Amino acid sequence: MPAHAAERWTAAKANAWYDKQPWLVGSNYNPASAINQLEMWQADTFDPQGIDRELGWAQAIGMNTMRVYLHNLLWEQDAQGLKQRIDEFLKIAARHGIKPIFVLFDSCWDPEPKLGPQHPPIPGVHNSGWVQAPGRARLEDESRYPLLRQYVEGVVGAFAKDERILAWDVWNEPDNDGGGNYPKHQNKQKYVETLLGQVFDWARSQNPVQPLTSGLWQHDDWSAARLTAIERIQIEQSDVISFHDYNWPETFDRRVKQLQAYGRPLLCTEYMARGNGSTFDGTLPLGKRYNVAMINWGFVDGRSQTRLPWDSWKKPYTDAEPTIWFHEVLRADGTPYRQAEVDLIKRLMTAPKGVVPHD
């Protein structure tokens, strides 16, 4: 760790921070108008009116956080403009009582991100335009790491004391091989293992008032003795522990009990894939009972097409819609996909912290 870097939060500090928060519920948020992180934030396609409308819908059902992805290429393209657009987003979110978690890097989907106009959605395919960060080229080229450092220190530094931000998620699913039909990236894990700890250090060097995290997502055993090298960095460097779970409620329950052993606040930063057994009905009440922050994948149906399941990469849903939507809470016009889900969110959000009301 660099000499100037702050220390990881103590468990006591992390728990004191978490005790001050309401029960945190929200979605992974990408505007309906954006296919990916670049389309969300680039000047030509940034959509404050759409964001304002959609975050208003989130506020109306009681949500108080959103997990939102940034990208290092945006910083290289226009650092000042990106900071201004982040500030504009934060103003909109604050008006709606929403504190976002910002994600800095992501190992999922297209390994070759490119600035400029993004390709249109591939018909019938889930998340067909989502891009990795930093992307294969920058991950493999250590001479580019100073650019990545400038991005992390620049973004976190600009907003390190900003109470409108809930937390920084430094790397989404760092050990994910990518998914989709993209060519596999040889030695990706080795590069990520080298870089992940540095990213935590760069972010921490800015002494943010917000906690840092990176979420566990694979494997069935997250006890200390079974962690991989990357998972160990995630656990040992995170101020608050985050994880993903797209499984049946029994698996969610078991994972929470395992992670409670680390003695830190727990944030479930991805869940809810209806066709995979992870639903609002089954999992959200458990999250409330255990006081776990709950952030589902997807909010409004749009260009990311994540109402379609993962298997759409093998068999695109071009002839018919899936039997049930995989992700998303609302249709494009703001009406609920399932009214009962929205009613459940509202009911749980209005009950006191930790209390699961009976129907």
Protein backbone atom coordinates (compact mmCIF):
# COMPACT_ATOMS: atom_id res chain seq x y z
CA MET A 1 0.00 0.00 0.00
CA PRO A 2 1.37 3.45 -0.85
CA ALA A 3 2.52 5.44 2.15
CA HIS A 4 -0.03 8.19 1.45
CA ALA A 5 -3.02 5.83 1.29
CA ALA A 6 -5.57 5.88 4.05
CA GLU A 7 -6.24 2.71 6.01
CA ARG A 8 -9.14 0.40 5.36
CA TRP A 9 -12.06 1.26 7.60
CA THR A 10 -12.26 -0.66 10.84
CA ALA A 11 -15.29 -2.91 11.26
CA ALA A 12 -16.51 -0.52 13.96
CA LYS A 13 -16.34 2.46 11.59
CA ALA A 14 -18.06 0.50 8.81
CA ASN A 15 -20.87 -0.64 11.10
CA ALA A 16 -21.31 2.87 12.53
CA TRP A 17 -21.63 4.21 8.97
CA TYR A 18 -24.17 1.53 8.09
CA ASP A 19 -26.23 2.13 11.23
CA LYS A 20 -26.83 5.70 10.03
CA GLN A 21 -28.28 4.56 6.69
CA PRO A 22 -31.89 3.67 6.09
CA TRP A 23 -32.47 0.15 4.81
CA LEU A 24 -30.97 0.51 1.35
CA VAL A 25 -33.01 -0.72 -1.61
CA GLY A 26 -32.58 0.09 -5.29
CA SER A 27 -31.59 -1.21 -8.69
CA ASN A 28 -28.57 -1.42 -10.93
CA TYR A 29 -29.43 1.61 -13.04
CA ASN A 30 -28.88 2.30 -16.69
CA PRO A 31 -31.29 4.70 -18.39
CA ALA A 32 -33.69 3.06 -20.85
CA SER A 33 -32.09 5.25 -23.53
CA ALA A 34 -28.58 3.79 -23.04
CA ILE A 35 -27.24 0.42 -24.21
CA ASN A 36 -24.21 0.67 -21.88
CA GLN A 37 -22.06 2.86 -19.63
CA LEU A 38 -20.58 4.84 -22.53
CA GLU A 39 -23.96 5.70 -24.03
CA MET A 40 -25.21 6.73 -20.59
CA TRP A 41 -22.40 9.23 -19.93
CA GLN A 42 -21.05 10.53 -23.27
CA ALA A 43 -22.09 14.11 -23.96
CA ASP A 44 -24.02 13.31 -27.15
CA THR A 45 -26.25 10.70 -25.49
CA PHE A 46 -26.41 11.80 -21.83
CA ASP A 47 -30.14 12.02 -21.07
CA PRO A 48 -30.85 14.09 -17.93
CA GLN A 49 -34.57 14.35 -18.73
CA GLY A 50 -34.92 10.58 -19.01
CA ILE A 51 -32.85 10.07 -15.86
CA ASP A 52 -35.01 12.54 -13.95
CA ARG A 53 -38.19 10.80 -15.07
CA GLU A 54 -36.91 7.31 -14.24
CA LEU A 55 -35.44 8.23 -10.85
CA GLY A 56 -38.79 9.84 -10.08
CA TRP A 57 -40.39 6.45 -10.70
CA ALA A 58 -37.81 4.87 -8.37
CA GLN A 59 -38.58 7.40 -5.65
CA ALA A 60 -42.30 6.71 -6.01
CA ILE A 61 -41.86 3.05 -5.11
CA GLY A 62 -39.56 3.83 -2.17
CA MET A 63 -36.10 3.14 -3.61
CA ASN A 64 -33.26 5.16 -2.05
CA THR A 65 -30.13 4.01 -3.88
CA MET A 66 -28.97 3.02 -7.38
CA ARG A 67 -25.82 1.25 -8.52
CA VAL A 68 -24.41 3.08 -11.54
CA TYR A 69 -21.46 2.20 -13.77
CA LEU A 70 -18.76 4.63 -14.91
CA HIS A 71 -15.93 3.88 -17.40
CA ASN A 72 -12.26 4.77 -17.64
CA LEU A 73 -12.54 5.66 -21.35
CA LEU A 74 -15.00 8.42 -20.45
CA TRP A 75 -12.30 10.00 -18.28
CA GLU A 76 -9.71 9.75 -21.06
CA GLN A 77 -12.17 11.28 -23.53
CA ASP A 78 -13.37 14.25 -21.45
CA ALA A 79 -12.51 14.26 -17.75
CA GLN A 80 -14.00 17.67 -17.05
CA GLY A 81 -17.19 16.88 -18.94
CA LEU A 82 -17.56 13.57 -17.14
CA LYS A 83 -17.24 15.27 -13.75
CA GLN A 84 -19.88 17.81 -14.77
CA ARG A 85 -22.28 15.08 -15.92
CA ILE A 86 -21.71 13.08 -12.73
CA ASP A 87 -22.53 16.22 -10.75
CA GLU A 88 -25.69 16.72 -12.81
CA PHE A 89 -26.68 13.10 -12.21
CA LEU A 90 -26.08 13.55 -8.49
CA LYS A 91 -28.27 16.66 -8.42
CA ILE A 92 -31.09 14.73 -10.08
CA ALA A 93 -30.64 11.72 -7.78
CA ALA A 94 -30.57 13.91 -4.67
CA ARG A 95 -33.84 15.56 -5.68
CA HIS A 96 -35.38 12.09 -5.64
CA GLY A 97 -33.81 11.01 -2.35
CA ILE A 98 -31.44 8.54 -4.05
CA LYS A 99 -27.75 8.03 -3.13
CA PRO A 100 -25.92 6.09 -5.84
CA ILE A 101 -23.10 3.58 -5.61
CA PHE A 102 -20.65 4.24 -8.45
CA VAL A 103 -18.84 1.30 -10.11
CA LEU A 104 -15.37 2.09 -11.50
CA PHE A 105 -14.39 -1.07 -13.44
CA ASP A 106 -16.28 -4.12 -14.73
CA SER A 107 -15.13 -7.49 -16.09
CA CYS A 108 -18.43 -8.41 -17.83
CA TRP A 109 -19.40 -8.67 -21.52
CA ASP A 110 -17.60 -6.95 -24.43
CA PRO A 111 -13.81 -6.80 -23.80
CA GLU A 112 -13.23 -4.24 -26.57
CA PRO A 113 -14.95 -0.99 -25.49
CA LYS A 114 -14.88 1.85 -28.00
CA LEU A 115 -15.79 5.50 -27.52
CA GLY A 116 -18.23 7.28 -29.79
CA PRO A 117 -21.60 6.09 -31.09
CA GLN A 118 -22.45 2.63 -29.78
CA HIS A 119 -23.91 -0.12 -31.96
CA PRO A 120 -27.68 -0.68 -31.75
CA PRO A 121 -29.00 -3.49 -29.56
CA ILE A 122 -28.71 -6.96 -31.10
CA PRO A 123 -32.32 -8.13 -31.53
CA GLY A 124 -33.43 -10.54 -28.83
CA VAL A 125 -30.13 -10.56 -26.86
CA HIS A 126 -29.55 -9.71 -23.17
CA ASN A 127 -27.12 -6.82 -22.52
CA SER A 128 -25.84 -6.98 -26.08
CA GLY A 129 -23.84 -3.73 -25.89
CA TRP A 130 -22.42 -3.74 -22.36
CA VAL A 131 -18.65 -3.19 -22.27
CA GLN A 132 -15.85 -4.16 -19.91
CA ALA A 133 -13.67 -1.63 -18.13
CA PRO A 134 -10.79 -1.10 -18.45
CA GLY A 135 -11.13 -3.46 -21.44
CA ARG A 136 -8.69 -6.03 -22.74
CA ALA A 137 -6.15 -3.62 -24.28
CA ARG A 138 -5.65 -1.50 -21.18
CA LEU A 139 -5.75 -4.47 -18.82
CA GLU A 140 -2.90 -6.18 -20.68
CA ASP A 141 -0.74 -3.07 -21.07
CA GLU A 142 0.89 -2.04 -17.80
CA SER A 143 2.24 1.10 -19.46
CA ARG A 144 -1.40 2.29 -19.52
CA TYR A 145 -1.94 1.76 -15.79
CA PRO A 146 -1.02 5.38 -15.01
CA LEU A 147 -4.05 6.38 -17.10
CA LEU A 148 -6.22 4.06 -15.02
CA ARG A 149 -4.76 5.55 -11.86
CA GLN A 150 -5.56 9.07 -13.09
CA TYR A 151 -9.16 7.98 -13.71
CA VAL A 152 -9.64 6.37 -10.28
CA GLU A 153 -7.91 9.15 -8.35
CA GLY A 154 -9.58 11.80 -10.48
CA VAL A 155 -13.16 10.56 -10.14
CA VAL A 156 -12.95 9.49 -6.50
CA GLY A 157 -10.94 12.59 -5.63
CA ALA A 158 -13.48 14.93 -7.22
CA PHE A 159 -16.33 13.45 -5.16
CA ALA A 160 -14.48 12.07 -2.12
CA LYS A 161 -16.32 14.35 0.32
CA ASP A 162 -19.66 14.33 -1.50
CA GLU A 163 -22.41 13.11 0.80
CA ARG A 164 -24.71 12.55 -2.19
CA ILE A 165 -22.74 9.38 -3.01
CA LEU A 166 -23.32 6.24 -0.95
CA ALA A 167 -20.24 4.14 -1.81
CA TRP A 168 -17.64 3.23 -4.43
CA ASP A 169 -17.72 -0.27 -5.96
CA VAL A 170 -14.20 -0.39 -7.36
CA TRP A 171 -14.62 -3.43 -9.67
CA ASN A 172 -17.69 -5.40 -10.67
CA GLU A 173 -17.15 -9.18 -10.76
CA PRO A 174 -13.40 -8.80 -11.33
CA ASP A 175 -12.88 -12.54 -11.80
CA ASN A 176 -15.66 -12.92 -14.40
CA ASP A 177 -14.30 -14.25 -17.72
CA GLY A 178 -16.67 -11.92 -19.58
CA GLY A 179 -19.67 -13.94 -20.74
CA GLY A 180 -21.58 -13.68 -23.99
CA ASN A 181 -20.14 -14.90 -27.29
CA TYR A 182 -17.00 -12.79 -27.07
CA PRO A 183 -13.53 -14.34 -27.44
CA LYS A 184 -12.15 -15.42 -24.09
CA HIS A 185 -9.33 -13.34 -22.67
CA GLN A 186 -6.30 -15.48 -21.87
CA ASN A 187 -4.54 -14.67 -18.57
CA LYS A 188 -7.24 -12.17 -17.65
CA GLN A 189 -7.33 -13.37 -14.03
CA LYS A 190 -3.59 -12.77 -13.65
CA TYR A 191 -3.90 -9.17 -14.85
CA VAL A 192 -6.92 -8.49 -12.66
CA GLU A 193 -5.18 -9.98 -9.64
CA THR A 194 -2.26 -7.59 -10.25
CA LEU A 195 -4.47 -4.54 -10.72
CA LEU A 196 -7.36 -4.96 -8.25
CA GLY A 197 -5.39 -4.19 -5.09
CA GLN A 198 -3.86 -1.15 -6.77
CA VAL A 199 -7.33 0.15 -7.67
CA PHE A 200 -8.38 -0.10 -4.02
CA ASP A 201 -5.20 1.79 -3.05
CA TRP A 202 -5.75 4.51 -5.66
CA ALA A 203 -9.33 5.05 -4.51
CA ARG A 204 -8.37 4.99 -0.83
CA SER A 205 -5.56 7.50 -1.41
CA GLN A 206 -8.25 10.14 -1.93
CA ASN A 207 -9.58 9.58 1.62
CA PRO A 208 -13.22 9.29 0.56
CA VAL A 209 -15.93 9.68 3.17
CA GLN A 210 -17.74 6.86 1.33
CA PRO A 211 -16.81 3.19 1.84
CA LEU A 212 -15.09 1.07 -0.82
CA THR A 213 -16.23 -2.39 -1.87
CA SER A 214 -16.00 -5.05 -4.59
CA GLY A 215 -18.55 -7.84 -4.66
CA LEU A 216 -18.10 -11.59 -4.46
CA TRP A 217 -20.32 -13.41 -6.93
CA GLN A 218 -19.26 -16.96 -7.73
CA HIS A 219 -18.60 -20.13 -5.70
CA ASP A 220 -20.70 -21.56 -2.91
CA ASP A 221 -18.26 -21.12 -0.06
CA TRP A 222 -16.96 -17.68 0.91
CA SER A 223 -15.41 -18.71 4.21
CA ALA A 224 -11.90 -17.32 4.68
CA ALA A 225 -10.16 -20.64 4.07
CA ARG A 226 -11.81 -21.12 0.66
CA LEU A 227 -11.32 -17.70 -0.95
CA THR A 228 -9.46 -17.40 -4.26
CA ALA A 229 -6.66 -14.84 -4.59
CA ILE A 230 -9.00 -12.26 -6.15
CA GLU A 231 -11.76 -12.92 -3.61
CA ARG A 232 -9.25 -12.48 -0.81
CA ILE A 233 -8.35 -9.01 -2.11
CA GLN A 234 -12.06 -8.18 -2.34
CA ILE A 235 -12.75 -9.26 1.26
CA GLU A 236 -9.57 -7.85 2.80
CA GLN A 237 -9.77 -4.46 1.06
CA SER A 238 -13.52 -3.79 1.18
CA ASP A 239 -14.76 -1.45 3.91
CA VAL A 240 -18.22 -2.97 3.55
CA ILE A 241 -18.78 -6.47 2.14
CA SER A 242 -20.80 -6.77 -1.06
CA PHE A 243 -21.95 -9.80 -2.99
CA HIS A 244 -24.21 -10.95 -5.82
CA ASP A 245 -26.79 -13.72 -5.68
CA TYR A 246 -29.07 -14.79 -8.52
CA ASN A 247 -30.12 -18.06 -6.93
CA TRP A 248 -33.00 -19.45 -4.90
CA PRO A 249 -33.66 -17.85 -1.49
CA GLU A 250 -32.04 -20.82 0.31
CA THR A 251 -28.71 -19.97 -1.35
CA PHE A 252 -29.06 -16.28 -0.52
CA ASP A 253 -29.76 -17.19 3.11
CA ARG A 254 -26.69 -19.43 3.31
CA ARG A 255 -24.42 -16.83 1.71
CA VAL A 256 -25.56 -14.09 4.09
CA LYS A 257 -24.85 -16.30 7.09
CA GLN A 258 -21.37 -17.07 5.77
CA LEU A 259 -20.56 -13.41 5.14
CA GLN A 260 -21.84 -12.29 8.53
CA ALA A 261 -18.71 -13.95 9.95
CA TYR A 262 -16.61 -11.04 8.60
CA GLY A 263 -18.39 -8.65 10.98
CA ARG A 264 -19.07 -5.90 8.46
CA PRO A 265 -22.18 -4.46 6.79
CA LEU A 266 -23.50 -6.56 3.90
CA LEU A 267 -24.69 -5.14 0.58
CA CYS A 268 -26.26 -7.43 -2.02
CA THR A 269 -25.39 -5.37 -5.09
CA GLU A 270 -26.97 -7.73 -7.64
CA TYR A 271 -29.91 -10.13 -7.37
CA MET A 272 -33.32 -10.82 -8.99
CA ALA A 273 -33.34 -13.04 -12.05
CA ARG A 274 -36.88 -14.39 -12.11
CA GLY A 275 -36.22 -17.36 -14.36
CA ASN A 276 -33.24 -18.40 -12.25
CA GLY A 277 -35.19 -18.57 -8.97
CA SER A 278 -34.15 -15.17 -7.60
CA THR A 279 -37.27 -13.02 -7.12
CA PHE A 280 -38.39 -10.00 -5.14
CA ASP A 281 -40.96 -12.17 -3.39
CA GLY A 282 -38.43 -14.78 -2.29
CA THR A 283 -35.31 -12.75 -1.55
CA LEU A 284 -36.21 -9.16 -0.65
CA PRO A 285 -37.92 -10.03 2.68
CA LEU A 286 -34.83 -12.06 3.68
CA GLY A 287 -32.64 -9.06 2.91
CA LYS A 288 -34.78 -6.91 5.19
CA ARG A 289 -34.73 -9.47 8.01
CA TYR A 290 -30.92 -9.67 7.86
CA ASN A 291 -30.50 -5.89 7.31
CA VAL A 292 -28.71 -6.48 3.99
CA ALA A 293 -28.80 -3.66 1.42
CA MET A 294 -30.67 -4.97 -1.65
CA ILE A 295 -29.94 -3.78 -5.19
CA ASN A 296 -31.57 -5.78 -7.97
CA TRP A 297 -30.40 -5.92 -11.58
CA GLY A 298 -32.29 -3.63 -13.89
CA PHE A 299 -34.89 -0.93 -13.39
CA VAL A 300 -36.60 0.20 -16.62
CA ASP A 301 -36.81 -1.93 -19.75
CA GLY A 302 -34.73 -0.31 -22.48
CA ARG A 303 -31.78 -0.65 -24.80
CA SER A 304 -29.87 -3.01 -22.51
CA GLN A 305 -32.66 -5.59 -23.05
CA THR A 306 -32.02 -7.32 -19.74
CA ARG A 307 -35.66 -8.37 -19.52
CA LEU A 308 -34.29 -11.19 -21.72
CA PRO A 309 -32.42 -14.07 -20.03
CA TRP A 310 -28.73 -14.89 -20.19
CA ASP A 311 -29.39 -17.80 -22.56
CA SER A 312 -30.51 -15.32 -25.24
CA TRP A 313 -26.84 -15.20 -26.28
CA LYS A 314 -27.32 -18.80 -27.47
CA LYS A 315 -30.91 -18.49 -28.68
CA PRO A 316 -32.01 -14.90 -29.26
CA TYR A 317 -35.63 -14.09 -28.44
CA THR A 318 -36.47 -12.66 -31.86
CA ASP A 319 -39.74 -14.53 -32.51
CA ALA A 320 -41.33 -14.26 -29.09
CA GLU A 321 -40.83 -12.65 -25.71
CA PRO A 322 -39.58 -14.88 -22.86
CA THR A 323 -42.30 -16.51 -20.77
CA ILE A 324 -41.29 -14.29 -17.86
CA TRP A 325 -39.03 -11.26 -17.80
CA PHE A 326 -35.57 -12.05 -16.42
CA HIS A 327 -34.70 -8.61 -14.96
CA GLU A 328 -36.29 -5.11 -14.79
CA VAL A 329 -38.91 -3.67 -12.46
CA LEU A 330 -40.77 -1.34 -14.83
CA ARG A 331 -41.86 -1.28 -18.44
CA ALA A 332 -40.59 1.52 -20.66
CA ASP A 333 -43.64 3.67 -19.85
CA GLY A 334 -43.03 3.39 -16.09
CA THR A 335 -45.79 0.88 -15.34
CA PRO A 336 -44.73 -2.13 -13.22
CA TYR A 337 -43.95 -5.43 -14.89
CA ARG A 338 -45.67 -6.98 -11.87
CA GLN A 339 -47.70 -4.71 -9.62
CA ALA A 340 -47.31 -7.18 -6.73
CA GLU A 341 -43.52 -6.68 -6.78
CA VAL A 342 -43.83 -2.90 -6.54
CA ASP A 343 -46.39 -3.27 -3.76
CA LEU A 344 -43.97 -5.54 -1.87
CA ILE A 345 -41.10 -3.05 -2.20
CA LYS A 346 -43.31 -0.22 -0.92
CA ARG A 347 -44.60 -2.32 1.98
CA LEU A 348 -41.11 -3.39 3.08
CA MET A 349 -39.72 0.14 2.72
CA THR A 350 -42.39 1.71 4.91
CA ALA A 351 -41.96 -0.78 7.78
CA PRO A 352 -39.26 -0.06 10.41
CA LYS A 353 -35.69 -1.24 9.75
CA GLY A 354 -35.40 -4.99 10.17
CA VAL A 355 -39.16 -5.53 10.35
CA VAL A 356 -40.86 -7.71 7.73
CA PRO A 357 -44.57 -6.85 7.84
CA HIS A 358 -47.17 -9.57 7.37
CA ASP A 359 -49.54 -9.26 4.43
